[in-house]
């Protein structure tokens, strides 16, 4: 399902509400699933991801050890933001910061088809060109206009 997600922290530091809304909004498919299974209730390690419609491209860094904190008009998910910074000899080196996401579902009709500003601009340009082509074709759809022909409304 398509959600708009607001990040409330930057590198572990809490953002003011206005900054979180202004700079932290991203739209994509929210997924919350099990990373490490534990048969005891509530002990499994969960992960939250926000991906592009292709399901493979991450829009936000992965939220590891994710926990749903509250569901009230939206979903509040807390965890550790995992930012990869390179590959070491034995494993991937990452920076881990505490992070909280505020997630709100978007109706499909309001969800944007693109995930980045560049894609949005390209989509707007494409739609604008389509409107321009339609307007340019409008006179030709009515047929060729000949000024010397009398209109059927003329009574002379």
C-alpha atoms as a PDB file:
ATOM      1  CA  UNK A   1       0.000   0.000   0.000  1.00  0.00           C
ATOM      2  CA  UNK A   2       1.186   3.523  -0.752  1.00  0.00           C
ATOM      3  CA  UNK A   3       2.116   5.690   2.232  1.00  0.00           C
ATOM      4  CA  UNK A   4       3.595   9.092   2.803  1.00  0.00           C
ATOM      5  CA  UNK A   5       6.366   8.807   5.371  1.00  0.00           C
ATOM      6  CA  UNK A   6       7.866  11.629   7.416  1.00  0.00           C
ATOM      7  CA  UNK A   7      11.265  11.097   9.029  1.00  0.00           C
ATOM      8  CA  UNK A   8      11.385  12.749  12.451  1.00  0.00           C
ATOM      9  CA  UNK A   9      15.154  12.530  12.965  1.00  0.00           C
ATOM     10  CA  UNK A  10      18.370  13.287  11.090  1.00  0.00           C
ATOM     11  CA  UNK A  11      21.441  11.267  12.130  1.00  0.00           C
ATOM     12  CA  UNK A  12      19.714  10.470  15.412  1.00  0.00           C
ATOM     13  CA  UNK A  13      18.889  14.094  16.301  1.00  0.00           C
ATOM     14  CA  UNK A  14      15.236  15.026  16.559  1.00  0.00           C
ATOM     15  CA  UNK A  15      14.008  17.470  13.904  1.00  0.00           C
ATOM     16  CA  UNK A  16      11.562  20.293  14.646  1.00  0.00           C
ATOM     17  CA  UNK A  17       8.088  19.486  13.291  1.00  0.00           C
ATOM     18  CA  UNK A  18       8.300  22.070  10.511  1.00  0.00           C
ATOM     19  CA  UNK A  19      11.644  20.713   9.290  1.00  0.00           C
ATOM     20  CA  UNK A  20      10.371  17.128   9.383  1.00  0.00           C
ATOM     21  CA  UNK A  21       7.355  18.049   7.257  1.00  0.00           C
ATOM     22  CA  UNK A  22       9.340  20.282   4.896  1.00  0.00           C
ATOM     23  CA  UNK A  23      12.317  18.005   4.220  1.00  0.00           C
ATOM     24  CA  UNK A  24      11.386  14.566   5.472  1.00  0.00           C
ATOM     25  CA  UNK A  25       8.337  13.601   3.360  1.00  0.00           C
ATOM     26  CA  UNK A  26       8.692  10.643   1.014  1.00  0.00           C
ATOM     27  CA  UNK A  27       6.032   8.582  -0.761  1.00  0.00           C
ATOM     28  CA  UNK A  28       6.287   4.890  -1.555  1.00  0.00           C
ATOM     29  CA  UNK A  29       5.209   1.388  -0.652  1.00  0.00           C
ATOM     30  CA  UNK A  30       5.623   0.728   3.073  1.00  0.00           C
ATOM     31  CA  UNK A  31       6.571  -2.794   4.103  1.00  0.00           C
ATOM     32  CA  UNK A  32       6.924  -4.123   7.652  1.00  0.00           C
ATOM     33  CA  UNK A  33       8.138  -7.698   7.915  1.00  0.00           C
ATOM     34  CA  UNK A  34      10.159 -10.182   9.926  1.00  0.00           C
ATOM     35  CA  UNK A  35      13.952 -10.178   9.535  1.00  0.00           C
ATOM     36  CA  UNK A  36      14.846 -12.749  12.222  1.00  0.00           C
ATOM     37  CA  UNK A  37      12.179 -15.177  13.405  1.00  0.00           C
ATOM     38  CA  UNK A  38      11.742 -16.031  17.087  1.00  0.00           C
ATOM     39  CA  UNK A  39       8.891 -18.344  18.138  1.00  0.00           C
ATOM     40  CA  UNK A  40       8.319 -16.349  21.326  1.00  0.00           C
ATOM     41  CA  UNK A  41       5.683 -13.639  20.840  1.00  0.00           C
ATOM     42  CA  UNK A  42       7.113 -10.169  20.312  1.00  0.00           C
ATOM     43  CA  UNK A  43      10.730 -11.368  20.105  1.00  0.00           C
ATOM     44  CA  UNK A  44      11.201 -11.497  16.324  1.00  0.00           C
ATOM     45  CA  UNK A  45      13.337  -8.762  14.801  1.00  0.00           C
ATOM     46  CA  UNK A  46      11.280  -6.703  12.379  1.00  0.00           C
ATOM     47  CA  UNK A  47      12.318  -4.445   9.528  1.00  0.00           C
ATOM     48  CA  UNK A  48      10.484  -1.549   7.823  1.00  0.00           C
ATOM     49  CA  UNK A  49      11.205  -0.391   4.284  1.00  0.00           C
ATOM     50  CA  UNK A  50       9.854   2.295   1.993  1.00  0.00           C
ATOM     51  CA  UNK A  51      10.325   1.290  -1.631  1.00  0.00           C
ATOM     52  CA  UNK A  52       9.540   2.666  -5.066  1.00  0.00           C
ATOM     53  CA  UNK A  53       6.687   1.025  -7.011  1.00  0.00           C
ATOM     54  CA  UNK A  54       9.175  -1.443  -8.538  1.00  0.00           C
ATOM     55  CA  UNK A  55       9.578  -2.949  -5.041  1.00  0.00           C
ATOM     56  CA  UNK A  56      13.381  -2.994  -5.265  1.00  0.00           C
ATOM     57  CA  UNK A  57      14.573   0.607  -4.984  1.00  0.00           C
ATOM     58  CA  UNK A  58      14.742   1.979  -1.440  1.00  0.00           C
ATOM     59  CA  UNK A  59      13.386   5.497  -1.076  1.00  0.00           C
ATOM     60  CA  UNK A  60      14.545   5.734   2.555  1.00  0.00           C
ATOM     61  CA  UNK A  61      17.269   3.823   4.387  1.00  0.00           C
ATOM     62  CA  UNK A  62      16.024   0.588   5.963  1.00  0.00           C
ATOM     63  CA  UNK A  63      14.618   0.791   9.490  1.00  0.00           C
ATOM     64  CA  UNK A  64      16.018  -2.210  11.414  1.00  0.00           C
ATOM     65  CA  UNK A  65      14.619  -3.508  14.728  1.00  0.00           C
ATOM     66  CA  UNK A  66      11.437  -1.673  13.824  1.00  0.00           C
ATOM     67  CA  UNK A  67       8.553  -1.505  16.272  1.00  0.00           C
ATOM     68  CA  UNK A  68       5.093  -0.107  15.693  1.00  0.00           C
ATOM     69  CA  UNK A  69       4.636   2.368  18.531  1.00  0.00           C
ATOM     70  CA  UNK A  70       1.205   3.797  17.815  1.00  0.00           C
ATOM     71  CA  UNK A  71      -1.621   3.606  15.311  1.00  0.00           C
ATOM     72  CA  UNK A  72      -3.797   6.718  15.554  1.00  0.00           C
ATOM     73  CA  UNK A  73      -4.550   8.551  12.313  1.00  0.00           C
ATOM     74  CA  UNK A  74      -1.270   7.113  11.040  1.00  0.00           C
ATOM     75  CA  UNK A  75       1.415   4.648  12.056  1.00  0.00           C
ATOM     76  CA  UNK A  76       4.390   5.579  14.235  1.00  0.00           C
ATOM     77  CA  UNK A  77       7.330   3.207  13.647  1.00  0.00           C
ATOM     78  CA  UNK A  78      10.630   3.453  15.568  1.00  0.00           C
ATOM     79  CA  UNK A  79      13.893   1.625  14.976  1.00  0.00           C
ATOM     80  CA  UNK A  80      17.480   1.990  13.810  1.00  0.00           C
ATOM     81  CA  UNK A  81      18.125   3.636  10.464  1.00  0.00           C
ATOM     82  CA  UNK A  82      20.833   1.659   8.663  1.00  0.00           C
ATOM     83  CA  UNK A  83      22.944   3.768   6.297  1.00  0.00           C
ATOM     84  CA  UNK A  84      25.582   1.739   4.408  1.00  0.00           C
ATOM     85  CA  UNK A  85      28.883   3.564   3.965  1.00  0.00           C
ATOM     86  CA  UNK A  86      31.059   0.946   2.320  1.00  0.00           C
ATOM     87  CA  UNK A  87      32.115  -2.654   2.231  1.00  0.00           C
ATOM     88  CA  UNK A  88      34.757  -3.876   4.662  1.00  0.00           C
ATOM     89  CA  UNK A  89      36.883  -7.002   4.529  1.00  0.00           C
ATOM     90  CA  UNK A  90      34.262  -9.169   6.228  1.00  0.00           C
ATOM     91  CA  UNK A  91      30.989  -7.274   5.992  1.00  0.00           C
ATOM     92  CA  UNK A  92      29.177  -4.081   5.049  1.00  0.00           C
ATOM     93  CA  UNK A  93      30.063  -1.065   7.180  1.00  0.00           C
ATOM     94  CA  UNK A  94      27.056   0.960   8.266  1.00  0.00           C
ATOM     95  CA  UNK A  95      26.087   3.934  10.351  1.00  0.00           C
ATOM     96  CA  UNK A  96      23.103   3.208  12.592  1.00  0.00           C
ATOM     97  CA  UNK A  97      20.990   6.037  13.967  1.00  0.00           C
ATOM     98  CA  UNK A  98      17.751   6.023  15.956  1.00  0.00           C
ATOM     99  CA  UNK A  99      14.874   6.979  13.681  1.00  0.00           C
ATOM    100  CA  UNK A 100      11.106   7.331  13.883  1.00  0.00           C
ATOM    101  CA  UNK A 101       8.763   7.369  10.911  1.00  0.00           C
ATOM    102  CA  UNK A 102       5.281   8.865  10.916  1.00  0.00           C
ATOM    103  CA  UNK A 103       3.367   7.061   8.153  1.00  0.00           C
ATOM    104  CA  UNK A 104      -0.011   7.953   6.628  1.00  0.00           C
ATOM    105  CA  UNK A 105      -1.771   5.878   3.974  1.00  0.00           C
ATOM    106  CA  UNK A 106      -2.563   7.600   0.691  1.00  0.00           C
ATOM    107  CA  UNK A 107      -5.554   6.651  -1.429  1.00  0.00           C
ATOM    108  CA  UNK A 108      -4.373   5.189  -4.740  1.00  0.00           C
ATOM    109  CA  UNK A 109      -5.890   8.090  -6.682  1.00  0.00           C
ATOM    110  CA  UNK A 110      -3.818  10.615  -4.684  1.00  0.00           C
ATOM    111  CA  UNK A 111      -0.589   8.649  -4.755  1.00  0.00           C
ATOM    112  CA  UNK A 112       1.979  10.082  -7.127  1.00  0.00           C
ATOM    113  CA  UNK A 113       3.181   7.816  -9.906  1.00  0.00           C
ATOM    114  CA  UNK A 114       6.766   8.946  -9.396  1.00  0.00           C
ATOM    115  CA  UNK A 115       8.990   8.970  -6.357  1.00  0.00           C
ATOM    116  CA  UNK A 116      11.630  11.627  -7.063  1.00  0.00           C
ATOM    117  CA  UNK A 117      11.271  15.303  -7.987  1.00  0.00           C
ATOM    118  CA  UNK A 118      13.089  14.703 -11.294  1.00  0.00           C
ATOM    119  CA  UNK A 119      10.614  11.969 -12.241  1.00  0.00           C
ATOM    120  CA  UNK A 120       7.715  14.246 -11.227  1.00  0.00           C
ATOM    121  CA  UNK A 121       9.023  17.048 -13.453  1.00  0.00           C
ATOM    122  CA  UNK A 122       9.469  14.637 -16.366  1.00  0.00           C
ATOM    123  CA  UNK A 123       5.904  13.346 -15.889  1.00  0.00           C
ATOM    124  CA  UNK A 124       4.541  16.932 -15.744  1.00  0.00           C
ATOM    125  CA  UNK A 125       6.484  17.826 -18.910  1.00  0.00           C
ATOM    126  CA  UNK A 126       5.120  14.753 -20.701  1.00  0.00           C
ATOM    127  CA  UNK A 127       1.529  15.589 -19.684  1.00  0.00           C
ATOM    128  CA  UNK A 128       2.010  19.228 -20.768  1.00  0.00           C
ATOM    129  CA  UNK A 129       3.286  18.147 -24.178  1.00  0.00           C
ATOM    130  CA  UNK A 130       0.301  15.822 -24.542  1.00  0.00           C
ATOM    131  CA  UNK A 131      -2.094  18.702 -23.792  1.00  0.00           C
ATOM    132  CA  UNK A 132      -0.232  20.885 -26.317  1.00  0.00           C
ATOM    133  CA  UNK A 133      -0.527  18.236 -29.035  1.00  0.00           C
ATOM    134  CA  UNK A 134      -4.243  17.869 -28.302  1.00  0.00           C
ATOM    135  CA  UNK A 135      -4.813  21.631 -28.574  1.00  0.00           C
ATOM    136  CA  UNK A 136      -2.850  21.814 -31.824  1.00  0.00           C
ATOM    137  CA  UNK A 137      -4.906  18.987 -33.335  1.00  0.00           C
ATOM    138  CA  UNK A 138      -8.252  20.529 -32.331  1.00  0.00           C
ATOM    139  CA  UNK A 139      -8.910  22.512 -35.566  1.00  0.00           C
ATOM    140  CA  UNK A 140      -8.089  19.498 -37.740  1.00  0.00           C
ATOM    141  CA  UNK A 141     -10.615  17.293 -35.986  1.00  0.00           C
ATOM    142  CA  UNK A 142     -13.470  19.439 -37.317  1.00  0.00           C
ATOM    143  CA  UNK A 143     -12.373  19.132 -40.909  1.00  0.00           C
ATOM    144  CA  UNK A 144     -10.971  21.674 -43.328  1.00  0.00           C
ATOM    145  CA  UNK A 145     -12.509  25.161 -43.059  1.00  0.00           C
ATOM    146  CA  UNK A 146     -13.411  26.907 -46.294  1.00  0.00           C
ATOM    147  CA  UNK A 147     -14.462  30.533 -45.931  1.00  0.00           C
ATOM    148  CA  UNK A 148     -16.278  30.682 -49.301  1.00  0.00           C
ATOM    149  CA  UNK A 149     -18.816  28.026 -48.282  1.00  0.00           C
ATOM    150  CA  UNK A 150     -22.021  29.369 -46.825  1.00  0.00           C
ATOM    151  CA  UNK A 151     -23.143  28.224 -43.460  1.00  0.00           C
ATOM    152  CA  UNK A 152     -26.389  26.316 -43.196  1.00  0.00           C
ATOM    153  CA  UNK A 153     -27.507  29.057 -40.799  1.00  0.00           C
ATOM    154  CA  UNK A 154     -27.385  31.690 -43.546  1.00  0.00           C
ATOM    155  CA  UNK A 155     -30.898  32.310 -44.885  1.00  0.00           C
ATOM    156  CA  UNK A 156     -29.938  34.325 -48.011  1.00  0.00           C
END
